[in-house]
N, C-alpha and C. Protein backbone atom coordinates (compact mmCIF):
# COMPACT_ATOMS: atom_id res chain seq x y z
N LEU A 1 6.21 25.37 7.46
CA LEU A 1 6.26 26.81 7.72
C LEU A 1 5.44 27.53 6.66
N ARG A 2 4.58 28.39 7.10
CA ARG A 2 3.73 29.14 6.18
C ARG A 2 3.98 30.63 6.39
N LEU A 3 4.28 31.31 5.30
CA LEU A 3 4.57 32.74 5.39
C LEU A 3 3.38 33.56 4.95
N ASP A 4 3.14 34.62 5.65
CA ASP A 4 2.10 35.56 5.28
C ASP A 4 2.64 36.46 4.18
N CYS A 5 1.83 36.75 3.19
CA CYS A 5 2.25 37.63 2.09
C CYS A 5 2.71 38.98 2.61
N ALA A 6 2.01 39.51 3.58
CA ALA A 6 2.36 40.82 4.13
C ALA A 6 3.75 40.78 4.76
N ASP A 7 4.08 39.67 5.42
CA ASP A 7 5.42 39.53 6.03
C ASP A 7 6.50 39.52 4.95
N THR A 8 6.22 38.82 3.88
CA THR A 8 7.20 38.74 2.78
C THR A 8 7.39 40.10 2.13
N LEU A 9 6.29 40.79 1.86
CA LEU A 9 6.38 42.12 1.25
C LEU A 9 7.09 43.10 2.16
N GLU A 10 6.86 43.00 3.46
CA GLU A 10 7.54 43.87 4.42
C GLU A 10 9.04 43.58 4.44
N ALA A 11 9.40 42.31 4.37
CA ALA A 11 10.82 41.95 4.34
C ALA A 11 11.48 42.47 3.06
N ILE A 12 10.77 42.39 1.95
CA ILE A 12 11.31 42.93 0.69
C ILE A 12 11.49 44.44 0.81
N ALA A 13 10.56 45.11 1.45
CA ALA A 13 10.64 46.56 1.61
C ALA A 13 11.86 46.99 2.43
N GLN A 14 12.39 46.08 3.24
CA GLN A 14 13.55 46.39 4.08
C GLN A 14 14.89 46.12 3.38
N LEU A 15 14.85 45.54 2.19
CA LEU A 15 16.08 45.27 1.46
C LEU A 15 16.74 46.58 1.02
N PRO A 16 18.04 46.56 0.78
CA PRO A 16 18.69 47.74 0.17
C PRO A 16 18.03 48.06 -1.17
N LYS A 17 18.00 49.33 -1.52
CA LYS A 17 17.26 49.78 -2.69
C LYS A 17 17.54 48.99 -3.98
N PRO A 18 18.80 48.73 -4.35
CA PRO A 18 19.03 47.99 -5.60
C PRO A 18 18.42 46.58 -5.58
N GLN A 19 18.49 45.92 -4.43
CA GLN A 19 17.90 44.59 -4.29
C GLN A 19 16.37 44.68 -4.27
N ARG A 20 15.86 45.67 -3.56
CA ARG A 20 14.42 45.88 -3.44
C ARG A 20 13.79 46.13 -4.81
N GLN A 21 14.46 46.93 -5.64
CA GLN A 21 13.92 47.24 -6.96
C GLN A 21 13.81 45.97 -7.81
N LEU A 22 14.84 45.15 -7.79
CA LEU A 22 14.78 43.91 -8.57
C LEU A 22 13.74 42.95 -8.01
N MET A 23 13.67 42.82 -6.70
CA MET A 23 12.68 41.92 -6.11
C MET A 23 11.27 42.41 -6.39
N GLY A 24 11.10 43.72 -6.48
CA GLY A 24 9.79 44.26 -6.84
C GLY A 24 9.37 43.80 -8.23
N LEU A 25 10.32 43.75 -9.15
CA LEU A 25 10.02 43.26 -10.49
C LEU A 25 9.70 41.77 -10.47
N VAL A 26 10.40 41.03 -9.62
CA VAL A 26 10.12 39.59 -9.49
C VAL A 26 8.71 39.39 -8.94
N VAL A 27 8.36 40.15 -7.91
CA VAL A 27 7.01 40.06 -7.33
C VAL A 27 5.96 40.38 -8.38
N ALA A 28 6.27 41.32 -9.27
CA ALA A 28 5.33 41.70 -10.32
C ALA A 28 5.23 40.65 -11.42
N GLY A 29 6.09 39.62 -11.37
CA GLY A 29 5.96 38.53 -12.30
C GLY A 29 7.14 38.28 -13.22
N GLU A 30 8.16 39.12 -13.17
CA GLU A 30 9.32 38.91 -14.03
C GLU A 30 10.34 38.06 -13.30
N THR A 31 10.52 36.83 -13.74
CA THR A 31 11.41 35.94 -13.01
C THR A 31 12.68 35.58 -13.78
N SER A 32 12.80 36.01 -15.00
CA SER A 32 13.98 35.70 -15.79
C SER A 32 15.08 36.74 -15.53
N PRO A 33 16.24 36.31 -15.02
CA PRO A 33 17.33 37.27 -14.82
C PRO A 33 17.71 37.99 -16.12
N ARG A 34 17.67 37.29 -17.23
CA ARG A 34 18.01 37.91 -18.51
C ARG A 34 17.01 39.02 -18.86
N ALA A 35 15.73 38.76 -18.64
CA ALA A 35 14.70 39.78 -18.90
C ALA A 35 14.85 40.96 -17.93
N LEU A 36 15.19 40.66 -16.68
CA LEU A 36 15.41 41.73 -15.71
C LEU A 36 16.59 42.59 -16.13
N ALA A 37 17.64 41.96 -16.62
CA ALA A 37 18.82 42.71 -17.08
C ALA A 37 18.43 43.61 -18.25
N ARG A 38 17.66 43.07 -19.18
CA ARG A 38 17.22 43.89 -20.33
C ARG A 38 16.37 45.07 -19.88
N SER A 39 15.41 44.81 -18.99
CA SER A 39 14.47 45.87 -18.60
C SER A 39 15.11 46.94 -17.72
N THR A 40 16.16 46.58 -16.99
CA THR A 40 16.81 47.55 -16.09
C THR A 40 18.07 48.16 -16.70
N GLY A 41 18.61 47.52 -17.73
CA GLY A 41 19.86 47.99 -18.31
C GLY A 41 21.09 47.58 -17.52
N LEU A 42 20.90 46.73 -16.52
CA LEU A 42 22.01 46.24 -15.70
C LEU A 42 22.65 45.03 -16.36
N PRO A 43 23.94 44.83 -16.13
CA PRO A 43 24.57 43.60 -16.63
C PRO A 43 23.93 42.37 -15.97
N LEU A 44 23.87 41.27 -16.70
CA LEU A 44 23.26 40.05 -16.19
C LEU A 44 23.91 39.60 -14.88
N GLY A 45 25.22 39.67 -14.80
CA GLY A 45 25.91 39.28 -13.57
C GLY A 45 25.50 40.11 -12.36
N THR A 46 25.28 41.39 -12.58
CA THR A 46 24.83 42.28 -11.49
C THR A 46 23.44 41.88 -11.03
N VAL A 47 22.56 41.62 -11.98
CA VAL A 47 21.19 41.19 -11.64
C VAL A 47 21.24 39.90 -10.83
N MET A 48 21.99 38.93 -11.30
CA MET A 48 22.06 37.65 -10.61
C MET A 48 22.65 37.79 -9.22
N SER A 49 23.68 38.61 -9.08
CA SER A 49 24.30 38.84 -7.77
C SER A 49 23.33 39.51 -6.81
N ARG A 50 22.65 40.53 -7.28
CA ARG A 50 21.70 41.24 -6.41
C ARG A 50 20.54 40.35 -6.00
N LEU A 51 20.05 39.54 -6.92
CA LEU A 51 18.96 38.63 -6.58
C LEU A 51 19.42 37.58 -5.57
N ALA A 52 20.62 37.08 -5.74
CA ALA A 52 21.14 36.08 -4.80
C ALA A 52 21.28 36.68 -3.40
N ARG A 53 21.81 37.90 -3.33
CA ARG A 53 21.94 38.57 -2.03
C ARG A 53 20.58 38.86 -1.41
N ALA A 54 19.64 39.27 -2.24
CA ALA A 54 18.29 39.56 -1.75
C ALA A 54 17.64 38.30 -1.20
N ARG A 55 17.74 37.20 -1.95
CA ARG A 55 17.15 35.94 -1.49
C ARG A 55 17.79 35.46 -0.19
N ALA A 56 19.11 35.59 -0.09
CA ALA A 56 19.80 35.18 1.13
C ALA A 56 19.33 36.02 2.32
N ARG A 57 19.21 37.30 2.11
CA ARG A 57 18.76 38.19 3.20
C ARG A 57 17.32 37.89 3.59
N LEU A 58 16.47 37.61 2.60
CA LEU A 58 15.07 37.27 2.88
C LEU A 58 14.98 35.97 3.67
N ARG A 59 15.82 34.98 3.31
CA ARG A 59 15.82 33.72 4.07
C ARG A 59 16.15 33.96 5.54
N LEU A 60 17.12 34.82 5.79
CA LEU A 60 17.48 35.14 7.18
C LEU A 60 16.37 35.90 7.89
N THR A 61 15.82 36.89 7.21
CA THR A 61 14.78 37.72 7.80
C THR A 61 13.52 36.92 8.10
N LEU A 62 13.14 36.07 7.15
CA LEU A 62 11.90 35.30 7.27
C LEU A 62 12.12 33.94 7.93
N LYS A 63 13.39 33.61 8.19
CA LYS A 63 13.76 32.36 8.85
C LYS A 63 13.20 31.14 8.12
N VAL A 64 13.47 31.10 6.79
CA VAL A 64 13.04 29.94 5.97
C VAL A 64 14.24 29.15 5.54
C-alpha cells in the first residue's frame, strides 16, 4: 500500500484541533513526545495520549 502525501496531509487536517496541532509538529520533524511536551507546555501523558488517538484515527481514515 502506498499513500500519497497529499492524502496523508488531508487526513491530518481532518483531525480534532488538539491532535492536528501535535501531528503538525510531528510532520515538521519533531518526533519526541518529551520535546513536544516541552514545546507545547502540555503534560507528557497528554501528548502521548493525543498522538496515540491521532495515529489510530489516521490508520482508520487512510486504511493502513
